Amino acid sequence: MEKPLSIAAIKALLNDINHPLDERIAVFRLDQRKGVSTALTSWEKRLEKEREKERKLKIMLEHEQLIWGSGLSLIAGIDEVGRGPLAGPVVAAAVMLPTDIQILGINDSKQLSSEKREQLFIEIQKHALGIGIGIKDQTVIDDVNIYQATKLAMLEAIQQLPQVPDYLLIDAMRLPTSIPQESLIKGDSKSLSIAAASIVAKVTRDRMMAEYDLLYPGYGFAQNSGYGTKRHLAGLEKIGVCPIHRQSFSPVRQALNNSF
């Protein structure tokens, strides 16, 4: 009688099986060992998660599919990160995805772990038709206000693309440009292009803030990205204002006043 596969061997095989009708699954279901049953349950959960990601991908491409169907092939999704922090720049990204894009797991960057964002950032860079980044620092923010600085960062991101897009999908913003555009409220959860842009912008800005943390320690920039956390506010009170703080923002302005 042939010796059954070990549970470890079955688990290894399940890692490479991605279809419920694979004939090996029927064989494994006949195995009475608890370890095999547990492995099958885990496999089924993994498969369902993958199917859910595929469904999510299809839903988040609905806006793009309509535009692509009209004959416009270059769609730039645009989003920003960093409107709320007390320090650092506002960063915008513009991302153009191919019509056959199949990256699973792209979502609003706020819904993803930092590790997952980094993984998807690499995949987006690998498959995107073009990526543009726009950065406006604290001096611009203080000069024109955060809303206008965000617009300027988005326009810069478009200018940094290798090709002029046919159409723009923008997260909750309208831009002064002749390129046809659509503003989507909560667009980073409705459009794959905007979600991809949110990931690129978030990873780019987080990396910048980690570098600023080395230059200006004591505020926790690597952990809080410049937002007004307890540690950041304590740093403001103890150390004072540093060069990347936004002086037009109330807590920073108050810290400046207290230093006199």
Protein backbone atom coordinates (compact mmCIF):
# COMPACT_ATOMS: atom_id res chain seq x y z
CA MET A 1 0.00 0.00 0.00
CA GLU A 2 1.34 3.40 -1.03
CA LYS A 3 2.35 5.57 1.90
CA PRO A 4 0.23 8.77 2.11
CA LEU A 5 1.87 12.13 1.64
CA SER A 6 2.99 13.84 4.81
CA ILE A 7 0.89 16.77 6.05
CA ALA A 8 3.84 19.08 5.37
CA ALA A 9 4.01 17.85 1.76
CA ILE A 10 0.28 18.41 1.31
CA LYS A 11 0.57 21.94 2.69
CA ALA A 12 3.39 22.62 0.23
CA LEU A 13 1.26 21.38 -2.67
CA LEU A 14 -1.72 23.47 -1.57
CA ASN A 15 0.44 26.58 -1.78
CA ASP A 16 0.61 26.05 -5.55
CA ILE A 17 -3.02 25.05 -6.14
CA ASN A 18 -5.24 27.96 -7.15
CA HIS A 19 -8.32 26.26 -8.56
CA PRO A 20 -11.04 24.42 -6.57
CA LEU A 21 -11.49 21.83 -9.32
CA ASP A 22 -7.88 20.68 -9.20
CA GLU A 23 -8.09 16.87 -8.99
CA ARG A 24 -5.65 16.73 -6.08
CA ILE A 25 -8.15 18.56 -3.86
CA ALA A 26 -10.64 15.70 -4.19
CA VAL A 27 -7.91 13.27 -3.11
CA PHE A 28 -6.94 15.39 -0.11
CA ARG A 29 -10.58 15.59 1.02
CA LEU A 30 -10.60 11.81 1.43
CA ASP A 31 -7.72 12.04 3.89
CA GLN A 32 -9.08 11.66 7.45
CA ARG A 33 -6.14 13.27 9.23
CA LYS A 34 -7.01 16.42 11.15
CA GLY A 35 -3.89 18.19 9.91
CA VAL A 36 -5.01 17.72 6.31
CA SER A 37 -8.50 19.02 7.11
CA THR A 38 -7.00 22.09 8.77
CA ALA A 39 -4.70 22.66 5.79
CA LEU A 40 -7.65 22.45 3.40
CA THR A 41 -9.61 24.96 5.46
CA SER A 42 -6.67 27.39 5.33
CA TRP A 43 -6.36 26.81 1.59
CA GLU A 44 -10.06 27.56 1.07
CA LYS A 45 -9.75 30.80 3.03
CA ARG A 46 -6.72 31.83 0.98
CA LEU A 47 -8.56 31.06 -2.25
CA GLU A 48 -11.57 33.11 -1.14
CA LYS A 49 -9.33 36.07 -0.28
CA GLU A 50 -7.83 35.89 -3.76
CA ARG A 51 -11.29 35.72 -5.34
CA GLU A 52 -12.34 38.75 -3.27
CA LYS A 53 -9.29 40.66 -4.48
CA GLU A 54 -10.22 39.79 -8.07
CA ARG A 55 -13.77 41.03 -7.49
CA LYS A 56 -12.41 44.22 -5.91
CA LEU A 57 -10.10 44.75 -8.87
CA LYS A 58 -13.02 44.46 -11.30
CA ILE A 59 -15.14 46.93 -9.30
CA MET A 60 -12.31 49.45 -8.95
CA LEU A 61 -11.69 49.40 -12.70
CA GLU A 62 -15.27 50.34 -13.63
CA HIS A 63 -14.49 54.04 -14.12
CA GLU A 64 -11.37 53.22 -16.11
CA GLN A 65 -13.18 50.68 -18.28
CA LEU A 66 -15.81 53.24 -19.29
CA ILE A 67 -13.12 55.73 -20.28
CA TRP A 68 -10.98 53.16 -22.06
CA GLY A 69 -14.12 52.01 -23.89
CA SER A 70 -14.58 55.54 -25.26
CA GLY A 71 -11.18 55.34 -26.94
CA LEU A 72 -9.07 57.21 -24.38
CA SER A 73 -6.21 54.93 -23.40
CA LEU A 74 -4.02 57.08 -21.12
CA ILE A 75 -5.81 57.67 -17.82
CA ALA A 76 -3.92 59.29 -14.95
CA GLY A 77 -5.20 58.62 -11.46
CA ILE A 78 -4.21 61.42 -9.10
CA ASP A 79 -4.13 61.58 -5.31
CA GLU A 80 -2.22 63.35 -2.55
CA VAL A 81 -0.88 62.63 0.91
CA GLY A 82 0.01 65.10 3.61
CA ARG A 83 -2.67 67.76 3.82
CA GLY A 84 -3.16 67.33 7.57
CA PRO A 85 0.34 67.07 9.09
CA LEU A 86 2.02 69.89 10.99
CA ALA A 87 5.34 69.26 9.24
CA GLY A 88 6.74 68.17 5.91
CA PRO A 89 5.52 68.51 2.34
CA VAL A 90 2.28 67.65 0.62
CA VAL A 91 3.02 64.95 -1.96
CA ALA A 92 0.88 64.14 -5.00
CA ALA A 93 1.20 61.26 -7.43
CA ALA A 94 -0.17 60.68 -10.90
CA VAL A 95 -0.25 57.07 -12.11
CA MET A 96 -1.19 55.73 -15.55
CA LEU A 97 -2.05 52.02 -15.58
CA PRO A 98 -2.23 49.73 -18.63
CA THR A 99 -5.60 48.40 -19.77
CA ASP A 100 -4.55 44.84 -18.89
CA ILE A 101 -3.50 45.66 -15.32
CA GLN A 102 -3.85 42.69 -12.98
CA ILE A 103 -2.20 43.77 -9.72
CA LEU A 104 -4.33 42.39 -6.89
CA GLY A 105 -4.67 44.15 -3.55
CA ILE A 106 -4.46 47.79 -4.66
CA ASN A 107 -6.69 49.85 -2.39
CA ASP A 108 -6.87 53.15 -0.54
CA SER A 109 -3.38 53.45 0.97
CA LYS A 110 -4.88 54.19 4.41
CA GLN A 111 -6.41 50.70 4.41
CA LEU A 112 -3.07 48.97 3.87
CA SER A 113 -0.17 48.15 6.17
CA SER A 114 3.15 49.85 5.50
CA GLU A 115 4.60 46.49 4.39
CA LYS A 116 1.77 45.95 1.90
CA ARG A 117 2.10 49.49 0.57
CA GLU A 118 5.81 48.93 -0.05
CA GLN A 119 5.08 45.67 -1.91
CA LEU A 120 2.40 47.27 -4.07
CA PHE A 121 4.60 50.33 -4.69
CA ILE A 122 7.16 48.04 -6.33
CA GLU A 123 4.48 46.31 -8.41
CA ILE A 124 2.96 49.61 -9.52
CA GLN A 125 6.39 50.91 -10.55
CA LYS A 126 6.96 47.72 -12.52
CA HIS A 127 3.67 47.79 -14.47
CA ALA A 128 2.59 51.44 -14.72
CA LEU A 129 2.77 53.23 -18.07
CA GLY A 130 3.91 56.32 -16.23
CA ILE A 131 4.32 57.78 -12.74
CA GLY A 132 4.65 61.46 -11.85
CA ILE A 133 5.39 62.93 -8.43
CA GLY A 134 4.64 66.46 -7.26
CA ILE A 135 6.04 67.85 -4.00
CA LYS A 136 5.28 71.18 -2.36
CA ASP A 137 7.14 71.88 0.86
CA GLN A 138 6.19 73.81 3.97
CA THR A 139 7.28 77.15 2.50
CA VAL A 140 4.80 76.83 -0.37
CA ILE A 141 2.10 75.58 2.00
CA ASP A 142 2.63 78.57 4.29
CA ASP A 143 2.66 80.94 1.33
CA VAL A 144 -0.45 79.83 -0.60
CA ASN A 145 -2.31 77.58 1.96
CA ILE A 146 -2.56 73.80 1.98
CA TYR A 147 -5.48 73.56 -0.47
CA GLN A 148 -3.71 75.55 -3.17
CA ALA A 149 -0.41 73.78 -2.45
CA THR A 150 -2.18 70.46 -3.00
CA LYS A 151 -3.41 71.63 -6.40
CA LEU A 152 0.10 72.76 -7.33
CA ALA A 153 1.54 69.37 -6.28
CA MET A 154 -1.07 67.56 -8.40
CA LEU A 155 -0.34 69.73 -11.44
CA GLU A 156 3.37 69.08 -10.99
CA ALA A 157 2.72 65.32 -10.79
CA ILE A 158 0.89 65.48 -14.14
CA GLN A 159 3.78 67.44 -15.68
CA GLN A 160 6.22 64.75 -14.49
CA LEU A 161 4.43 62.01 -16.44
CA PRO A 162 6.29 60.72 -19.52
CA GLN A 163 3.21 61.37 -21.69
CA VAL A 164 0.30 63.78 -21.50
CA PRO A 165 -2.71 61.77 -20.28
CA ASP A 166 -5.99 61.69 -22.20
CA TYR A 167 -8.06 61.86 -19.03
CA LEU A 168 -7.66 62.53 -15.31
CA LEU A 169 -9.36 60.74 -12.43
CA ILE A 170 -8.77 62.87 -9.33
CA ASP A 171 -9.54 62.23 -5.69
CA ALA A 172 -11.99 64.93 -4.56
CA MET A 173 -10.37 67.79 -6.45
CA ARG A 174 -10.73 69.72 -9.71
CA LEU A 175 -7.63 71.11 -11.39
CA PRO A 176 -7.12 74.11 -13.67
CA THR A 177 -6.03 72.16 -16.75
CA SER A 178 -7.39 71.60 -20.25
CA ILE A 179 -7.12 67.82 -19.85
CA PRO A 180 -10.59 66.24 -19.42
CA GLN A 181 -11.10 65.25 -15.80
CA GLU A 182 -13.44 63.70 -13.28
CA SER A 183 -13.39 64.33 -9.54
CA LEU A 184 -14.36 61.33 -7.41
CA ILE A 185 -15.22 61.70 -3.73
CA LYS A 186 -13.30 58.98 -1.87
CA GLY A 187 -11.78 58.14 -5.23
CA ASP A 188 -8.99 56.10 -3.64
CA SER A 189 -11.60 53.47 -2.74
CA LYS A 190 -13.45 53.66 -6.09
CA SER A 191 -10.78 53.89 -8.79
CA LEU A 192 -7.75 51.63 -9.19
CA SER A 193 -5.73 54.44 -10.79
CA ILE A 194 -6.42 56.82 -7.92
CA ALA A 195 -5.73 54.08 -5.36
CA ALA A 196 -2.41 53.35 -7.06
CA ALA A 197 -1.58 57.06 -6.90
CA SER A 198 -2.44 57.14 -3.20
CA ILE A 199 0.00 54.28 -2.55
CA VAL A 200 2.79 55.93 -4.54
CA ALA A 201 2.25 59.27 -2.80
CA LYS A 202 2.06 57.69 0.66
CA VAL A 203 5.21 55.58 0.27
CA THR A 204 7.11 58.51 -1.23
CA ARG A 205 6.14 60.87 1.58
CA ASP A 206 6.69 58.31 4.36
CA ARG A 207 10.23 57.72 3.09
CA MET A 208 10.87 61.47 3.08
CA MET A 209 9.59 61.83 6.63
CA ALA A 210 11.80 58.95 7.80
CA GLU A 211 14.79 60.85 6.40
CA TYR A 212 13.63 64.06 8.08
CA ASP A 213 13.43 62.13 11.36
CA LEU A 214 17.20 61.62 11.15
CA LEU A 215 17.77 65.32 10.48
CA TYR A 216 15.32 66.56 13.09
CA PRO A 217 15.01 63.95 15.87
CA GLY A 218 12.68 64.32 18.81
CA TYR A 219 9.35 64.71 17.00
CA GLY A 220 8.83 61.09 15.89
CA PHE A 221 8.54 61.96 12.18
CA ALA A 222 9.39 58.38 11.12
CA GLN A 223 6.39 57.10 13.08
CA ASN A 224 3.83 59.91 12.79
CA SER A 225 4.75 61.32 9.35
CA GLY A 226 4.44 64.81 10.77
CA TYR A 227 0.89 64.49 12.09
CA GLY A 228 0.10 66.09 15.43
CA THR A 229 0.50 63.06 17.66
CA LYS A 230 1.16 63.29 21.39
CA ARG A 231 4.87 62.65 20.85
CA HIS A 232 5.06 65.27 18.08
CA LEU A 233 3.33 67.93 20.19
CA ALA A 234 5.60 67.10 23.12
CA GLY A 235 8.58 67.58 20.82
CA LEU A 236 7.23 70.92 19.67
CA GLU A 237 6.90 72.03 23.28
CA LYS A 238 10.32 70.80 24.34
CA ILE A 239 12.49 71.44 21.25
CA GLY A 240 10.50 74.09 19.44
CA VAL A 241 9.86 74.51 15.75
CA CYS A 242 12.17 72.91 13.17
CA PRO A 243 12.72 73.99 9.52
CA ILE A 244 10.09 71.64 8.03
CA HIS A 245 7.24 72.70 10.32
CA ARG A 246 4.29 74.49 8.72
CA GLN A 247 4.20 77.84 10.48
CA SER A 248 0.70 78.63 9.22
CA PHE A 249 -0.73 75.66 11.14
CA SER A 250 -2.12 76.56 14.57
CA PRO A 251 -0.09 74.25 16.88
CA VAL A 252 3.14 75.32 15.18
CA ARG A 253 2.20 78.99 15.28
CA GLN A 254 1.41 78.60 18.97
CA ALA A 255 4.77 76.95 19.61
CA LEU A 256 6.49 79.84 17.84
CA ASN A 257 4.62 82.38 19.96
CA ASN A 258 5.57 80.50 23.13
CA SER A 259 9.24 80.67 22.20
CA PHE A 260 9.26 84.47 22.38
